[in-house]
Amino acid sequence: MTPSWKLLLPALLKIQHSEAYNRKKQLQIHQKNMECTQAHFE
């Protein structure tokens, strides 16, 4: 019988990884939007 935390760990790591990835993506999108806005107002 494997302890349940051993089964949970990969899932938790996966969740953390995808959250970090999503945050990175949103930041990139935000930066692009800011650049477009600045270019628009210049």
N, C-alpha and C. Protein backbone atom coordinates (compact mmCIF):
# COMPACT_ATOMS: atom_id res chain seq x y z
N MET A 1 0.85 -1.21 0.00
CA MET A 1 0.00 0.00 0.00
C MET A 1 0.89 1.26 0.00
N THR A 2 0.79 2.07 -1.03
CA THR A 2 1.56 3.32 -1.04
C THR A 2 0.82 4.38 -0.24
N PRO A 3 1.54 5.20 0.50
CA PRO A 3 0.89 6.30 1.23
C PRO A 3 0.24 7.27 0.26
N SER A 4 -0.87 7.82 0.67
CA SER A 4 -1.66 8.66 -0.25
C SER A 4 -0.89 9.90 -0.70
N TRP A 5 0.01 10.41 0.15
CA TRP A 5 0.73 11.63 -0.24
C TRP A 5 1.63 11.38 -1.44
N LYS A 6 2.08 10.11 -1.58
CA LYS A 6 2.92 9.78 -2.74
C LYS A 6 2.12 9.86 -4.03
N LEU A 7 0.84 9.57 -3.93
CA LEU A 7 -0.03 9.67 -5.09
C LEU A 7 -0.43 11.12 -5.34
N LEU A 8 -0.56 11.87 -4.25
CA LEU A 8 -0.99 13.26 -4.38
C LEU A 8 0.12 14.18 -4.89
N LEU A 9 1.35 13.86 -4.52
CA LEU A 9 2.47 14.74 -4.85
C LEU A 9 2.57 15.09 -6.34
N PRO A 10 2.58 14.10 -7.25
CA PRO A 10 2.68 14.45 -8.66
C PRO A 10 1.53 15.35 -9.12
N ALA A 11 0.34 15.09 -8.60
CA ALA A 11 -0.81 15.90 -8.97
C ALA A 11 -0.63 17.34 -8.49
N LEU A 12 -0.15 17.48 -7.26
CA LEU A 12 0.07 18.82 -6.71
C LEU A 12 1.13 19.56 -7.50
N LEU A 13 2.21 18.87 -7.85
CA LEU A 13 3.27 19.49 -8.64
C LEU A 13 2.74 19.93 -9.99
N LYS A 14 1.90 19.10 -10.58
CA LYS A 14 1.31 19.40 -11.88
C LYS A 14 0.46 20.67 -11.79
N ILE A 15 -0.35 20.75 -10.72
CA ILE A 15 -1.21 21.91 -10.52
C ILE A 15 -0.37 23.17 -10.34
N GLN A 16 0.65 23.09 -9.50
CA GLN A 16 1.52 24.24 -9.27
C GLN A 16 2.18 24.68 -10.57
N HIS A 17 2.63 23.71 -11.36
CA HIS A 17 3.31 24.01 -12.61
C HIS A 17 2.37 24.72 -13.57
N SER A 18 1.15 24.21 -13.70
CA SER A 18 0.21 24.82 -14.64
C SER A 18 -0.23 26.20 -14.17
N GLU A 19 -0.31 26.39 -12.85
CA GLU A 19 -0.66 27.72 -12.33
C GLU A 19 0.44 28.72 -12.65
N ALA A 20 1.68 28.30 -12.46
CA ALA A 20 2.82 29.17 -12.77
C ALA A 20 2.83 29.48 -14.26
N TYR A 21 2.54 28.47 -15.07
CA TYR A 21 2.53 28.65 -16.52
C TYR A 21 1.44 29.64 -16.94
N ASN A 22 0.25 29.47 -16.36
CA ASN A 22 -0.85 30.37 -16.68
C ASN A 22 -0.53 31.80 -16.28
N ARG A 23 0.09 31.97 -15.12
CA ARG A 23 0.44 33.31 -14.64
C ARG A 23 1.43 33.96 -15.61
N LYS A 24 2.40 33.17 -16.07
CA LYS A 24 3.40 33.66 -17.01
C LYS A 24 2.71 34.11 -18.30
N LYS A 25 1.80 33.27 -18.79
CA LYS A 25 1.06 33.57 -20.01
C LYS A 25 0.30 34.88 -19.87
N GLN A 26 -0.42 35.03 -18.74
CA GLN A 26 -1.21 36.24 -18.52
C GLN A 26 -0.33 37.47 -18.48
N LEU A 27 0.86 37.35 -17.88
CA LEU A 27 1.80 38.47 -17.83
C LEU A 27 2.24 38.85 -19.23
N GLN A 28 2.53 37.86 -20.07
CA GLN A 28 2.95 38.13 -21.44
C GLN A 28 1.84 38.84 -22.20
N ILE A 29 0.61 38.37 -22.04
CA ILE A 29 -0.53 38.99 -22.71
C ILE A 29 -0.70 40.42 -22.22
N HIS A 30 -0.57 40.62 -20.91
CA HIS A 30 -0.71 41.95 -20.32
C HIS A 30 0.34 42.90 -20.89
N GLN A 31 1.58 42.43 -20.99
CA GLN A 31 2.65 43.26 -21.52
C GLN A 31 2.38 43.63 -22.98
N LYS A 32 1.89 42.68 -23.76
CA LYS A 32 1.56 42.94 -25.16
C LYS A 32 0.47 44.00 -25.25
N ASN A 33 -0.55 43.87 -24.40
CA ASN A 33 -1.64 44.84 -24.40
C ASN A 33 -1.14 46.23 -24.04
N MET A 34 -0.24 46.30 -23.05
CA MET A 34 0.31 47.58 -22.65
C MET A 34 1.08 48.21 -23.80
N GLU A 35 1.86 47.41 -24.52
CA GLU A 35 2.63 47.91 -25.65
C GLU A 35 1.70 48.45 -26.73
N CYS A 36 0.63 47.72 -27.00
CA CYS A 36 -0.33 48.15 -28.01
C CYS A 36 -0.99 49.46 -27.59
N THR A 37 -1.34 49.56 -26.31
CA THR A 37 -1.98 50.77 -25.79
C THR A 37 -1.04 51.96 -25.90
N GLN A 38 0.22 51.77 -25.53
CA GLN A 38 1.20 52.86 -25.60
C GLN A 38 1.39 53.30 -27.04
N ALA A 39 1.51 52.35 -27.95
CA ALA A 39 1.70 52.67 -29.36
C ALA A 39 0.49 53.44 -29.88
N HIS A 40 -0.68 53.08 -29.40
CA HIS A 40 -1.92 53.72 -29.84
C HIS A 40 -1.97 55.18 -29.40
N PHE A 41 -1.45 55.48 -28.23
CA PHE A 41 -1.54 56.84 -27.69
C PHE A 41 -0.39 57.75 -28.13
N GLU A 42 0.66 57.16 -28.71
CA GLU A 42 1.80 57.98 -29.11
C GLU A 42 1.49 58.80 -30.35
